[in-house]
């Protein structure tokens, strides 16, 4: 089992453990928003107006306008017609799964679909590759009635981008709801971090719903659902959503004022990814989806070696302790070029 470190502060470029400093290349703070002092100052100002939490249902008889304002802004970022925020990415997925399950639709899951989209506590996920699974979809869709297809937008663990051209091959005589978890693409991939929404082909009989955690690149303690306005309104009117605690409003207020901060962070992240691609990919050790800040390797021995050399990377079993450990390097906007150069030098030394 990989060595586990414990610390008492938020990781940034570095972490401290037993009075030793380690470079930090893990986590999912791709844009470094939680560590960004300018964003922290915006949040402090917002906390003075909105407090730490809004202790009420979003469907109550007193409503805060900041929710609708922020949801319009984040929907515009992706190109979606409407958006709905919740207290976590897990809740965003589950409010959709609960809504669709109530319609008694049939569910089909792609490989490695995130548990946030599961409509039961456990589901049997296909063991095929994503491409092989999509090739079989026409045969799988022989079920009658409305079908739900639930997939991830990217394999975030193994840094593999998923294609979506297969949507054009779906049957045209069957109602289908396509649900895509874009937790690791939103804020990072495509122009302005718009994510997967505009990349998925549209079909008249296919309704699209995209869910995402806001706790990754966006640095907010919440989740979001994107879809057409009618579907978003229907989800908002469910008992499940009405019973959910909302995302703390101060974070959405800070988000609305932080457009420049996000833009600058994406520029820094893009530069850091480009440097890491130039230095790490020629080793032949890593797999990486173009433009994505995760470099996956089958070489699990990399973790203890780098740890000895003062560099901490991601290496643990996911999503359950029974799964195989996976090892990856995560690049963030808070890294400096010398951090990435030092990381690469250690890897070349081991090679």
Protein backbone atom coordinates (compact mmCIF):
# COMPACT_ATOMS: atom_id res chain seq x y z
CA UNK A 1 0.00 0.00 0.00
CA UNK A 2 1.29 3.47 -0.88
CA UNK A 3 2.53 5.65 1.96
CA UNK A 4 -0.15 8.05 3.24
CA UNK A 5 0.78 11.56 4.32
CA UNK A 6 -1.28 13.71 6.68
CA UNK A 7 -1.13 17.50 6.77
CA UNK A 8 -3.00 20.28 8.56
CA UNK A 9 -3.25 22.87 5.78
CA UNK A 10 -4.65 23.28 2.28
CA UNK A 11 -2.23 21.92 -0.34
CA UNK A 12 -0.92 24.42 -2.86
CA UNK A 13 2.33 24.28 -4.78
CA UNK A 14 3.72 22.52 -1.74
CA UNK A 15 2.65 20.67 1.38
CA UNK A 16 4.42 20.25 4.71
CA UNK A 17 4.70 16.86 6.40
CA UNK A 18 6.89 16.17 9.43
CA UNK A 19 8.68 19.47 8.81
CA UNK A 20 9.58 18.48 5.25
CA UNK A 21 8.28 20.35 2.20
CA UNK A 22 6.99 18.41 -0.80
CA UNK A 23 5.98 19.69 -4.21
CA UNK A 24 2.29 18.84 -4.67
CA UNK A 25 1.08 17.32 -7.96
CA UNK A 26 -2.24 15.79 -6.91
CA UNK A 27 -5.85 16.74 -6.19
CA UNK A 28 -8.34 18.26 -8.63
CA UNK A 29 -7.79 21.99 -8.05
CA UNK A 30 -6.93 22.42 -11.71
CA UNK A 31 -7.31 26.22 -11.77
CA UNK A 32 -6.00 26.72 -8.23
CA UNK A 33 -9.08 28.71 -7.23
CA UNK A 34 -9.15 27.58 -3.54
CA UNK A 35 -5.51 28.69 -3.24
CA UNK A 36 -6.02 31.96 -5.16
CA UNK A 37 -5.67 34.91 -2.77
CA UNK A 38 -7.70 37.22 -5.02
CA UNK A 39 -10.60 34.78 -5.03
CA UNK A 40 -10.29 34.32 -1.28
CA UNK A 41 -10.66 38.10 -0.85
CA UNK A 42 -13.79 38.11 -3.02
CA UNK A 43 -15.19 35.30 -0.90
CA UNK A 44 -14.46 37.18 2.33
CA UNK A 45 -16.41 40.16 1.00
CA UNK A 46 -19.28 37.90 -0.10
CA UNK A 47 -19.41 36.18 3.29
CA UNK A 48 -20.10 39.54 4.93
CA UNK A 49 -23.24 39.82 2.77
CA UNK A 50 -24.48 36.23 2.58
CA UNK A 51 -22.99 34.54 5.65
CA UNK A 52 -21.68 30.99 5.67
CA UNK A 53 -24.87 29.23 4.54
CA UNK A 54 -28.46 29.78 3.39
CA UNK A 55 -30.45 27.51 5.69
CA UNK A 56 -33.53 27.07 3.55
CA UNK A 57 -34.98 25.13 0.64
CA UNK A 58 -34.45 26.70 -2.77
CA UNK A 59 -38.18 26.15 -3.25
CA UNK A 60 -39.12 28.09 -0.11
CA UNK A 61 -41.14 31.28 0.02
CA UNK A 62 -38.01 33.43 0.49
CA UNK A 63 -35.47 33.10 -2.30
CA UNK A 64 -32.05 34.65 -2.89
CA UNK A 65 -31.63 36.13 -6.35
CA UNK A 66 -27.92 35.23 -6.42
CA UNK A 67 -28.79 31.62 -7.28
CA UNK A 68 -30.63 32.42 -10.49
CA UNK A 69 -28.07 35.08 -11.44
CA UNK A 70 -25.13 32.71 -11.01
CA UNK A 71 -26.96 29.87 -12.77
CA UNK A 72 -27.57 32.07 -15.81
CA UNK A 73 -23.88 32.99 -15.87
CA UNK A 74 -22.61 29.42 -15.63
CA UNK A 75 -25.15 28.24 -18.22
CA UNK A 76 -23.84 30.94 -20.58
CA UNK A 77 -20.29 29.67 -20.02
CA UNK A 78 -21.22 26.23 -21.39
CA UNK A 79 -23.79 27.30 -23.97
CA UNK A 80 -26.59 25.42 -22.23
CA UNK A 81 -30.10 26.87 -22.10
CA UNK A 82 -30.41 26.59 -18.31
CA UNK A 83 -28.53 25.45 -15.20
CA UNK A 84 -29.37 24.42 -11.65
CA UNK A 85 -26.87 24.40 -8.76
CA UNK A 86 -26.78 21.99 -5.82
CA UNK A 87 -24.58 21.42 -2.79
CA UNK A 88 -22.20 18.96 -4.48
CA UNK A 89 -21.47 17.18 -7.74
CA UNK A 90 -22.78 13.99 -6.16
CA UNK A 91 -26.09 15.70 -5.40
CA UNK A 92 -26.24 17.10 -8.93
CA UNK A 93 -25.94 13.60 -10.34
CA UNK A 94 -28.37 12.10 -7.88
CA UNK A 95 -31.08 14.73 -8.39
CA UNK A 96 -31.01 13.79 -12.09
CA UNK A 97 -30.91 10.03 -11.44
CA UNK A 98 -33.79 10.35 -8.97
CA UNK A 99 -35.84 12.42 -11.43
CA UNK A 100 -35.31 9.94 -14.28
CA UNK A 101 -35.87 6.87 -12.10
CA UNK A 102 -39.27 8.27 -11.11
CA UNK A 103 -40.21 8.18 -14.81
CA UNK A 104 -39.47 4.42 -14.80
CA UNK A 105 -37.01 4.74 -17.68
CA UNK A 106 -34.47 2.02 -18.50
CA UNK A 107 -30.84 2.85 -17.69
CA UNK A 108 -27.72 1.97 -19.68
CA UNK A 109 -24.32 2.84 -18.20
CA UNK A 110 -21.05 3.37 -19.99
CA UNK A 111 -17.71 2.07 -18.69
CA UNK A 112 -16.54 3.69 -15.44
CA UNK A 113 -19.66 5.88 -15.17
CA UNK A 114 -19.33 7.93 -11.99
CA UNK A 115 -21.44 6.73 -9.02
CA UNK A 116 -23.11 10.17 -8.95
CA UNK A 117 -25.20 9.05 -11.93
CA UNK A 118 -26.17 5.61 -10.60
CA UNK A 119 -29.90 5.14 -10.07
CA UNK A 120 -29.26 2.29 -7.61
CA UNK A 121 -26.64 1.88 -4.84
CA UNK A 122 -24.75 -0.57 -7.04
CA UNK A 123 -24.86 -1.13 -10.79
CA UNK A 124 -23.01 -3.47 -13.16
CA UNK A 125 -20.80 -1.33 -15.35
CA UNK A 126 -19.54 -2.71 -18.67
CA UNK A 127 -15.91 -3.83 -18.76
CA UNK A 128 -15.47 -2.99 -22.46
CA UNK A 129 -13.47 0.00 -23.62
CA UNK A 130 -15.61 3.10 -24.17
CA UNK A 131 -15.32 2.86 -27.96
CA UNK A 132 -16.21 -0.84 -28.03
CA UNK A 133 -19.17 -0.16 -25.77
CA UNK A 134 -20.51 2.62 -28.02
CA UNK A 135 -20.17 0.27 -31.00
CA UNK A 136 -22.56 -2.11 -29.20
CA UNK A 137 -25.07 0.57 -28.21
CA UNK A 138 -27.48 -0.06 -31.11
CA UNK A 139 -27.86 -3.67 -29.92
CA UNK A 140 -28.23 -2.60 -26.29
CA UNK A 141 -30.99 -0.15 -27.19
CA UNK A 142 -33.39 -2.89 -28.19
CA UNK A 143 -35.19 -2.19 -24.90
CA UNK A 144 -38.63 -0.70 -25.37
CA UNK A 145 -39.67 2.71 -24.12
CA UNK A 146 -37.59 5.66 -23.01
CA UNK A 147 -33.89 4.85 -22.47
CA UNK A 148 -31.36 6.69 -20.31
CA UNK A 149 -27.70 6.53 -21.35
CA UNK A 150 -25.36 7.65 -18.55
CA UNK A 151 -21.66 8.25 -19.25
CA UNK A 152 -18.67 10.34 -18.22
CA UNK A 153 -17.30 13.01 -20.55
CA UNK A 154 -13.73 11.82 -19.95
CA UNK A 155 -11.90 9.06 -18.13
CA UNK A 156 -10.37 11.37 -15.54
CA UNK A 157 -8.39 8.59 -13.84
CA UNK A 158 -6.59 7.38 -16.98
CA UNK A 159 -6.68 10.74 -18.79
CA UNK A 160 -8.57 9.44 -21.82
CA UNK A 161 -10.87 11.73 -23.80
CA UNK A 162 -14.16 10.15 -24.90
CA UNK A 163 -15.56 10.72 -28.40
CA UNK A 164 -19.25 11.54 -28.85
CA UNK A 165 -19.74 11.08 -32.58
CA UNK A 166 -21.61 7.86 -31.74
CA UNK A 167 -24.59 10.00 -30.72
CA UNK A 168 -25.28 10.47 -34.44
CA UNK A 169 -25.77 6.69 -34.77
CA UNK A 170 -28.41 6.37 -32.07
CA UNK A 171 -31.88 5.18 -33.13
CA UNK A 172 -34.21 7.93 -34.29
CA UNK A 173 -37.46 6.16 -33.37
CA UNK A 174 -36.88 5.89 -29.61
CA UNK A 175 -36.92 8.62 -26.93
CA UNK A 176 -33.49 8.81 -25.26
CA UNK A 177 -32.07 10.89 -22.44
CA UNK A 178 -28.29 11.21 -22.55
CA UNK A 179 -26.76 12.11 -19.18
CA UNK A 180 -23.08 13.12 -19.18
CA UNK A 181 -20.94 13.77 -16.09
CA UNK A 182 -18.53 16.59 -17.02
CA UNK A 183 -17.03 17.14 -13.57
CA UNK A 184 -13.45 17.02 -14.84
CA UNK A 185 -13.99 18.92 -18.08
CA UNK A 186 -15.98 21.93 -16.91
CA UNK A 187 -13.72 24.92 -16.40
CA UNK A 188 -10.73 23.24 -18.07
CA UNK A 189 -11.46 21.79 -21.48
CA UNK A 190 -12.48 23.61 -24.65
CA UNK A 191 -12.78 27.34 -25.20
CA UNK A 192 -13.04 29.31 -21.93
CA UNK A 193 -13.45 26.02 -20.05
CA UNK A 194 -16.94 25.54 -21.49
CA UNK A 195 -16.72 21.76 -21.17
CA UNK A 196 -18.57 19.10 -23.12
CA UNK A 197 -22.00 20.67 -23.73
CA UNK A 198 -21.39 22.12 -27.19
CA UNK A 199 -19.34 19.11 -28.33
CA UNK A 200 -22.22 16.62 -28.19
CA UNK A 201 -24.24 16.19 -31.41
CA UNK A 202 -27.94 17.09 -31.16
CA UNK A 203 -30.69 14.73 -32.22
CA UNK A 204 -34.43 15.51 -32.13
CA UNK A 205 -35.22 12.42 -30.04
CA UNK A 206 -32.25 12.74 -27.66
CA UNK A 207 -32.57 14.99 -24.62
CA UNK A 208 -29.21 16.07 -23.19
CA UNK A 209 -28.50 16.55 -19.48
CA UNK A 210 -24.98 17.38 -18.29
CA UNK A 211 -23.98 17.25 -14.63
CA UNK A 212 -20.76 18.42 -13.02
CA UNK A 213 -19.01 18.99 -9.75
CA UNK A 214 -18.04 22.60 -9.19
CA UNK A 215 -15.40 21.53 -6.65
CA UNK A 216 -12.83 20.64 -9.31
CA UNK A 217 -11.65 23.41 -11.66
CA UNK A 218 -14.27 25.91 -10.50
CA UNK A 219 -13.18 25.68 -6.84
CA UNK A 220 -16.73 25.94 -5.44
CA UNK A 221 -18.41 23.61 -2.90
CA UNK A 222 -21.29 22.55 -5.11
CA UNK A 223 -22.54 20.89 -8.26
CA UNK A 224 -24.55 21.89 -11.31
CA UNK A 225 -27.01 20.43 -13.82
CA UNK A 226 -27.31 21.75 -17.39
CA UNK A 227 -30.20 21.07 -19.78
CA UNK A 228 -33.10 22.71 -21.58
CA UNK A 229 -35.23 25.07 -19.51
CA UNK A 230 -38.19 22.69 -19.34
CA UNK A 231 -36.11 19.84 -17.94
CA UNK A 232 -34.35 22.09 -15.42
CA UNK A 233 -37.73 23.41 -14.21
CA UNK A 234 -39.05 19.86 -13.83
CA UNK A 235 -36.00 18.82 -11.77
CA UNK A 236 -36.28 21.93 -9.60
CA UNK A 237 -39.89 21.08 -8.79
CA UNK A 238 -39.06 17.58 -7.49
CA UNK A 239 -39.25 16.79 -3.78
CA UNK A 240 -35.63 15.59 -3.94
CA UNK A 241 -34.36 19.01 -5.04
CA UNK A 242 -36.67 20.85 -2.66
CA UNK A 243 -35.24 18.88 0.27
CA UNK A 244 -31.61 19.54 -0.71
CA UNK A 245 -29.57 22.18 1.06
CA UNK A 246 -28.22 24.65 -1.52
CA UNK A 247 -24.64 25.65 -2.25
CA UNK A 248 -23.56 28.46 0.14
CA UNK A 249 -24.58 31.67 -1.68
CA UNK A 250 -21.37 33.54 -0.84
CA UNK A 251 -19.44 31.24 -3.17
CA UNK A 252 -21.78 31.97 -6.07
CA UNK A 253 -21.50 35.70 -5.40
CA UNK A 254 -17.70 35.44 -5.49
CA UNK A 255 -17.91 33.33 -8.66
CA UNK A 256 -19.98 36.00 -10.41
CA UNK A 257 -17.27 38.60 -9.73
CA UNK A 258 -14.29 36.40 -10.58
CA UNK A 259 -14.39 36.16 -14.38
CA UNK A 260 -10.95 37.75 -14.75
CA UNK A 261 -9.50 35.46 -12.07
CA UNK A 262 -10.77 32.37 -13.88
CA UNK A 263 -9.47 33.63 -17.23
CA UNK A 264 -5.99 34.29 -15.87
CA UNK A 265 -5.94 30.91 -14.12
CA UNK A 266 -6.86 29.12 -17.37
CA UNK A 267 -4.00 30.90 -19.16
CA UNK A 268 -1.51 29.80 -16.50
CA UNK A 269 -2.86 26.26 -16.53
CA UNK A 270 -2.61 26.05 -20.33
CA UNK A 271 1.02 27.17 -20.17
CA UNK A 272 1.81 24.65 -17.44
CA UNK A 273 0.14 21.80 -19.32
CA UNK A 274 2.11 22.64 -22.48
CA UNK A 275 5.37 22.54 -20.51
CA UNK A 276 4.44 19.23 -18.86
CA UNK A 277 3.50 17.74 -22.24
CA UNK A 278 6.90 18.70 -23.68
CA UNK A 279 8.79 17.23 -20.74
CA UNK A 280 6.75 14.19 -19.68
CA UNK A 281 5.23 12.67 -22.81
CA UNK A 282 8.58 11.90 -24.53
CA UNK A 283 9.38 9.48 -21.69
CA UNK A 284 6.69 7.13 -23.00
CA UNK A 285 5.48 6.57 -19.43
CA UNK A 286 2.34 8.66 -19.50
CA UNK A 287 -1.09 8.80 -21.10
CA UNK A 288 -2.75 12.20 -21.40
CA UNK A 289 -5.84 13.56 -23.13
CA UNK A 290 -4.73 16.60 -25.11
CA UNK A 291 -5.04 19.77 -23.06
CA UNK A 292 -6.05 17.89 -19.92
CA UNK A 293 -3.93 18.45 -16.77
CA UNK A 294 -3.68 14.77 -15.77
CA UNK A 295 -0.81 12.47 -16.78
CA UNK A 296 -1.61 8.82 -16.03
CA UNK A 297 0.99 6.07 -15.74
CA UNK A 298 0.91 2.32 -15.18
CA UNK A 299 4.24 2.71 -13.42
CA UNK A 300 3.07 2.71 -9.80
CA UNK A 301 6.65 2.63 -8.56
CA UNK A 302 6.85 6.29 -9.53
CA UNK A 303 5.01 7.37 -6.37
CA UNK A 304 7.45 6.12 -3.70
CA UNK A 305 10.44 7.26 -5.75
CA UNK A 306 9.13 10.80 -6.16
CA UNK A 307 8.06 10.91 -2.52
CA UNK A 308 11.64 10.16 -1.47
CA UNK A 309 12.68 13.08 -3.65
CA UNK A 310 10.24 15.54 -2.11
CA UNK A 311 7.45 15.30 -4.68
CA UNK A 312 3.93 14.13 -3.84
CA UNK A 313 1.70 12.77 -6.64
CA UNK A 314 -1.69 11.03 -6.80
CA UNK A 315 -1.53 7.29 -6.10
CA UNK A 316 -4.38 5.43 -4.39
CA UNK A 317 -7.20 2.99 -5.08
CA UNK A 318 -10.30 4.59 -6.62
CA UNK A 319 -13.29 4.62 -6.45
CA UNK A 320 -13.18 2.01 -3.65
CA UNK A 321 -10.28 0.65 -1.55
CA UNK A 322 -10.77 -2.69 -3.31
CA UNK A 323 -9.90 -1.20 -6.70
CA UNK A 324 -6.40 -1.18 -8.14
CA UNK A 325 -4.31 1.79 -7.15
CA UNK A 326 -3.75 4.24 -9.98
CA UNK A 327 -0.93 6.70 -10.32
CA UNK A 328 -1.14 10.09 -12.00
CA UNK A 329 0.45 13.50 -12.03
CA UNK A 330 -1.91 16.47 -11.79
CA UNK A 331 -0.84 19.87 -13.09
CA UNK A 332 -2.45 23.03 -11.69
CA UNK A 333 -2.49 26.74 -12.40
CA UNK A 334 -0.66 27.33 -9.12
CA UNK A 335 2.46 25.51 -10.27
CA UNK A 336 5.55 27.43 -11.35
CA UNK A 337 7.64 26.32 -14.36
CA UNK A 338 10.50 25.36 -12.03
CA UNK A 339 8.16 22.95 -10.23
CA UNK A 340 7.43 21.08 -13.45
CA UNK A 341 11.08 21.15 -14.47
CA UNK A 342 12.08 19.62 -11.12
CA UNK A 343 9.39 16.94 -11.48
CA UNK A 344 10.61 16.05 -14.96
CA UNK A 345 14.25 15.96 -13.85
CA UNK A 346 13.42 13.40 -11.14
CA UNK A 347 11.51 11.24 -13.60
CA UNK A 348 14.39 11.33 -16.10
CA UNK A 349 16.79 10.41 -13.29
CA UNK A 350 14.74 7.33 -12.45
CA UNK A 351 14.46 6.35 -16.09
